[in-house]
Amino acid sequence: MYDTTNQSPPTGLLYWPRRVESWLDARGKGAWIAAMVLGFIFVWPLGLAILGYMIWSKRMTKRSMCCHRPKGQGYWASNSSGNSAFDAYRDETIRRLKEERGAFEAFLKRLRDAKDKQEFDAFMEDRAKANADQTNDKDIAAY
């Protein structure tokens, strides 16, 4: 590409797209959207090209413009406030909330299961009554 001993970035006609891209990346998704809208307003093929590049390079996905955290870790899991007492309290609170959430989800499952069982039992009773009525009708018709 270019000489790595030279600390300044290369200048020239071929490198301006990279500079524009890094400038927009430094400013986030809003800058990309503004560039696309302005491109559509002033020169529509430029706006279309920016839109195509944003889709192709996946600039608007969550992972492309934010910090990369392992899946399953929340915002607080990787950030330290610098106060160890607060961090310990926060970690304990998050752990307790996860336990309470699990207990609540288990309670909801038991509640749904009980409701399903009640509905099934009512259905079976109705079916048994319908069968009993049909057999009584057949017995009466036989006489």
C-alpha atoms as a PDB file:
ATOM      1  CA  MET A   1       0.000   0.000   0.000  1.00  0.00           C
ATOM      2  CA  TYR A   2       2.188   2.804   1.228  1.00  0.00           C
ATOM      3  CA  ASP A   3       5.447   3.202   3.060  1.00  0.00           C
ATOM      4  CA  THR A   4       4.919   2.319   6.733  1.00  0.00           C
ATOM      5  CA  THR A   5       7.934   4.311   7.838  1.00  0.00           C
ATOM      6  CA  ASN A   6       6.136   7.489   6.883  1.00  0.00           C
ATOM      7  CA  GLN A   7       3.849   8.385   9.811  1.00  0.00           C
ATOM      8  CA  SER A   8       1.529  10.694   7.879  1.00  0.00           C
ATOM      9  CA  PRO A   9      -1.312   9.106   5.931  1.00  0.00           C
ATOM     10  CA  PRO A  10      -0.943   9.089   2.176  1.00  0.00           C
ATOM     11  CA  THR A  11      -2.438  11.942   0.252  1.00  0.00           C
ATOM     12  CA  GLY A  12      -3.708  11.847  -3.234  1.00  0.00           C
ATOM     13  CA  LEU A  13      -6.688  11.167  -5.358  1.00  0.00           C
ATOM     14  CA  LEU A  14      -6.852   7.440  -4.566  1.00  0.00           C
ATOM     15  CA  TYR A  15      -7.002   7.772  -0.782  1.00  0.00           C
ATOM     16  CA  TRP A  16      -9.811  10.301  -0.261  1.00  0.00           C
ATOM     17  CA  PRO A  17     -12.572   7.645  -0.072  1.00  0.00           C
ATOM     18  CA  ARG A  18     -10.787   5.990   2.856  1.00  0.00           C
ATOM     19  CA  ARG A  19     -10.436   9.329   4.631  1.00  0.00           C
ATOM     20  CA  VAL A  20     -14.126  10.093   4.100  1.00  0.00           C
ATOM     21  CA  GLU A  21     -15.081   6.621   5.313  1.00  0.00           C
ATOM     22  CA  SER A  22     -12.984   6.913   8.487  1.00  0.00           C
ATOM     23  CA  TRP A  23     -14.322  10.435   9.100  1.00  0.00           C
ATOM     24  CA  LEU A  24     -17.920   9.183   8.833  1.00  0.00           C
ATOM     25  CA  ASP A  25     -17.153   6.113  10.979  1.00  0.00           C
ATOM     26  CA  ALA A  26     -15.733   8.359  13.696  1.00  0.00           C
ATOM     27  CA  ARG A  27     -19.030  10.260  13.821  1.00  0.00           C
ATOM     28  CA  GLY A  28     -21.296   7.207  13.829  1.00  0.00           C
ATOM     29  CA  LYS A  29     -24.493   6.105  12.121  1.00  0.00           C
ATOM     30  CA  GLY A  30     -25.978   9.595  12.061  1.00  0.00           C
ATOM     31  CA  ALA A  31     -23.167  10.872   9.856  1.00  0.00           C
ATOM     32  CA  TRP A  32     -23.670   8.006   7.400  1.00  0.00           C
ATOM     33  CA  ILE A  33     -27.407   8.658   7.250  1.00  0.00           C
ATOM     34  CA  ALA A  34     -26.871  12.409   6.790  1.00  0.00           C
ATOM     35  CA  ALA A  35     -24.365  11.760   3.978  1.00  0.00           C
ATOM     36  CA  MET A  36     -26.848   9.437   2.277  1.00  0.00           C
ATOM     37  CA  VAL A  37     -29.728  11.936   2.572  1.00  0.00           C
ATOM     38  CA  LEU A  38     -27.577  14.797   1.293  1.00  0.00           C
ATOM     39  CA  GLY A  39     -26.421  12.569  -1.547  1.00  0.00           C
ATOM     40  CA  PHE A  40     -30.029  11.873  -2.521  1.00  0.00           C
ATOM     41  CA  ILE A  41     -30.913  15.574  -2.328  1.00  0.00           C
ATOM     42  CA  PHE A  42     -28.031  16.934  -4.397  1.00  0.00           C
ATOM     43  CA  VAL A  43     -26.941  14.075  -6.657  1.00  0.00           C
ATOM     44  CA  TRP A  44     -29.263  11.088  -6.403  1.00  0.00           C
ATOM     45  CA  PRO A  45     -26.792   8.539  -7.831  1.00  0.00           C
ATOM     46  CA  LEU A  46     -24.358   9.492  -5.055  1.00  0.00           C
ATOM     47  CA  GLY A  47     -27.060   8.884  -2.418  1.00  0.00           C
ATOM     48  CA  LEU A  48     -27.859   5.571  -4.042  1.00  0.00           C
ATOM     49  CA  ALA A  49     -24.175   4.633  -4.065  1.00  0.00           C
ATOM     50  CA  ILE A  50     -23.835   5.517  -0.369  1.00  0.00           C
ATOM     51  CA  LEU A  51     -26.946   3.481   0.455  1.00  0.00           C
ATOM     52  CA  GLY A  52     -25.573   0.519  -1.495  1.00  0.00           C
ATOM     53  CA  TYR A  53     -22.224   0.801   0.273  1.00  0.00           C
ATOM     54  CA  MET A  54     -23.915   1.005   3.686  1.00  0.00           C
ATOM     55  CA  ILE A  55     -25.913  -2.151   2.928  1.00  0.00           C
ATOM     56  CA  TRP A  56     -22.948  -4.001   1.435  1.00  0.00           C
ATOM     57  CA  SER A  57     -20.562  -3.119   4.262  1.00  0.00           C
ATOM     58  CA  LYS A  58     -23.257  -3.637   6.932  1.00  0.00           C
ATOM     59  CA  ARG A  59     -22.664  -0.168   8.363  1.00  0.00           C
ATOM     60  CA  MET A  60     -26.124   0.037   9.927  1.00  0.00           C
ATOM     61  CA  THR A  61     -26.065  -3.215  11.856  1.00  0.00           C
ATOM     62  CA  LYS A  62     -25.698  -3.092  15.621  1.00  0.00           C
ATOM     63  CA  ARG A  63     -22.314  -4.802  15.685  1.00  0.00           C
ATOM     64  CA  SER A  64     -20.643  -2.690  13.038  1.00  0.00           C
ATOM     65  CA  MET A  65     -20.742   0.673  14.811  1.00  0.00           C
ATOM     66  CA  CYS A  66     -20.642  -0.270  18.482  1.00  0.00           C
ATOM     67  CA  CYS A  67     -18.122  -1.901  20.725  1.00  0.00           C
ATOM     68  CA  HIS A  68     -17.973  -5.673  20.421  1.00  0.00           C
ATOM     69  CA  ARG A  69     -19.024  -7.522  23.554  1.00  0.00           C
ATOM     70  CA  PRO A  70     -19.452 -11.263  23.776  1.00  0.00           C
ATOM     71  CA  LYS A  71     -23.027 -12.369  23.314  1.00  0.00           C
ATOM     72  CA  GLY A  72     -24.956 -12.718  26.549  1.00  0.00           C
ATOM     73  CA  GLN A  73     -23.120 -10.011  28.429  1.00  0.00           C
ATOM     74  CA  GLY A  74     -25.058  -6.879  29.171  1.00  0.00           C
ATOM     75  CA  TYR A  75     -23.804  -3.330  29.164  1.00  0.00           C
ATOM     76  CA  TRP A  76     -22.642  -3.434  32.770  1.00  0.00           C
ATOM     77  CA  ALA A  77     -20.858  -6.761  32.538  1.00  0.00           C
ATOM     78  CA  SER A  78     -17.703  -5.370  30.951  1.00  0.00           C
ATOM     79  CA  ASN A  79     -17.636  -1.830  32.361  1.00  0.00           C
ATOM     80  CA  SER A  80     -16.068  -1.041  35.674  1.00  0.00           C
ATOM     81  CA  SER A  81     -17.067   2.136  37.446  1.00  0.00           C
ATOM     82  CA  GLY A  82     -13.743   2.327  39.252  1.00  0.00           C
ATOM     83  CA  ASN A  83     -15.489   1.943  42.613  1.00  0.00           C
ATOM     84  CA  SER A  84     -15.061  -1.650  43.766  1.00  0.00           C
ATOM     85  CA  ALA A  85     -17.825  -1.413  46.393  1.00  0.00           C
ATOM     86  CA  PHE A  86     -20.325  -0.210  43.790  1.00  0.00           C
ATOM     87  CA  ASP A  87     -19.171  -2.856  41.307  1.00  0.00           C
ATOM     88  CA  ALA A  88     -19.697  -5.589  43.916  1.00  0.00           C
ATOM     89  CA  TYR A  89     -23.151  -4.207  44.782  1.00  0.00           C
ATOM     90  CA  ARG A  90     -24.071  -3.989  41.092  1.00  0.00           C
ATOM     91  CA  ASP A  91     -22.874  -7.541  40.402  1.00  0.00           C
ATOM     92  CA  GLU A  92     -24.814  -8.877  43.415  1.00  0.00           C
ATOM     93  CA  THR A  93     -27.962  -7.010  42.344  1.00  0.00           C
ATOM     94  CA  ILE A  94     -27.690  -8.322  38.785  1.00  0.00           C
ATOM     95  CA  ARG A  95     -27.198 -11.871  40.086  1.00  0.00           C
ATOM     96  CA  ARG A  96     -30.217 -11.534  42.415  1.00  0.00           C
ATOM     97  CA  LEU A  97     -32.384 -10.123  39.600  1.00  0.00           C
ATOM     98  CA  LYS A  98     -31.420 -13.027  37.336  1.00  0.00           C
ATOM     99  CA  GLU A  99     -32.420 -15.491  40.076  1.00  0.00           C
ATOM    100  CA  GLU A 100     -35.733 -13.692  40.624  1.00  0.00           C
ATOM    101  CA  ARG A 101     -36.381 -13.673  36.896  1.00  0.00           C
ATOM    102  CA  GLY A 102     -35.761 -17.425  36.741  1.00  0.00           C
ATOM    103  CA  ALA A 103     -38.093 -18.028  39.689  1.00  0.00           C
ATOM    104  CA  PHE A 104     -40.781 -15.834  38.118  1.00  0.00           C
ATOM    105  CA  GLU A 105     -40.492 -17.636  34.775  1.00  0.00           C
ATOM    106  CA  ALA A 106     -40.818 -20.977  36.602  1.00  0.00           C
ATOM    107  CA  PHE A 107     -43.920 -19.648  38.397  1.00  0.00           C
ATOM    108  CA  LEU A 108     -45.455 -18.549  35.090  1.00  0.00           C
ATOM    109  CA  LYS A 109     -44.759 -21.986  33.600  1.00  0.00           C
ATOM    110  CA  ARG A 110     -46.469 -23.703  36.549  1.00  0.00           C
ATOM    111  CA  LEU A 111     -49.404 -21.294  36.206  1.00  0.00           C
ATOM    112  CA  ARG A 112     -49.742 -22.010  32.472  1.00  0.00           C
ATOM    113  CA  ASP A 113     -49.480 -25.753  33.091  1.00  0.00           C
ATOM    114  CA  ALA A 114     -52.221 -25.596  35.749  1.00  0.00           C
ATOM    115  CA  LYS A 115     -54.482 -23.605  33.417  1.00  0.00           C
ATOM    116  CA  ASP A 116     -53.844 -26.063  30.573  1.00  0.00           C
ATOM    117  CA  LYS A 117     -54.620 -28.994  32.867  1.00  0.00           C
ATOM    118  CA  GLN A 118     -57.843 -27.328  34.035  1.00  0.00           C
ATOM    119  CA  GLU A 119     -58.936 -26.688  30.433  1.00  0.00           C
ATOM    120  CA  PHE A 120     -58.071 -30.261  29.441  1.00  0.00           C
ATOM    121  CA  ASP A 121     -59.998 -31.710  32.402  1.00  0.00           C
ATOM    122  CA  ALA A 122     -63.035 -29.577  31.500  1.00  0.00           C
ATOM    123  CA  PHE A 123     -62.806 -30.794  27.894  1.00  0.00           C
ATOM    124  CA  MET A 124     -62.625 -34.429  28.997  1.00  0.00           C
ATOM    125  CA  GLU A 125     -65.656 -33.962  31.296  1.00  0.00           C
ATOM    126  CA  ASP A 126     -67.653 -32.404  28.443  1.00  0.00           C
ATOM    127  CA  ARG A 127     -66.642 -35.251  26.166  1.00  0.00           C
ATOM    128  CA  ALA A 128     -67.600 -37.852  28.751  1.00  0.00           C
ATOM    129  CA  LYS A 129     -70.998 -36.164  29.211  1.00  0.00           C
ATOM    130  CA  ALA A 130     -71.538 -36.087  25.436  1.00  0.00           C
ATOM    131  CA  ASN A 131     -70.685 -39.794  25.184  1.00  0.00           C
ATOM    132  CA  ALA A 132     -72.990 -40.597  28.101  1.00  0.00           C
ATOM    133  CA  ASP A 133     -75.844 -38.666  26.444  1.00  0.00           C
ATOM    134  CA  GLN A 134     -75.304 -40.513  23.166  1.00  0.00           C
ATOM    135  CA  THR A 135     -75.403 -43.918  24.861  1.00  0.00           C
ATOM    136  CA  ASN A 136     -78.584 -42.928  26.754  1.00  0.00           C
ATOM    137  CA  ASP A 137     -80.189 -41.835  23.470  1.00  0.00           C
ATOM    138  CA  LYS A 138     -79.262 -45.171  21.862  1.00  0.00           C
ATOM    139  CA  ASP A 139     -80.660 -47.097  24.854  1.00  0.00           C
ATOM    140  CA  ILE A 140     -83.944 -45.156  24.677  1.00  0.00           C
ATOM    141  CA  ALA A 141     -84.193 -45.683  20.930  1.00  0.00           C
ATOM    142  CA  ALA A 142     -83.636 -49.431  21.389  1.00  0.00           C
ATOM    143  CA  TYR A 143     -86.799 -49.771  23.523  1.00  0.00           C
END
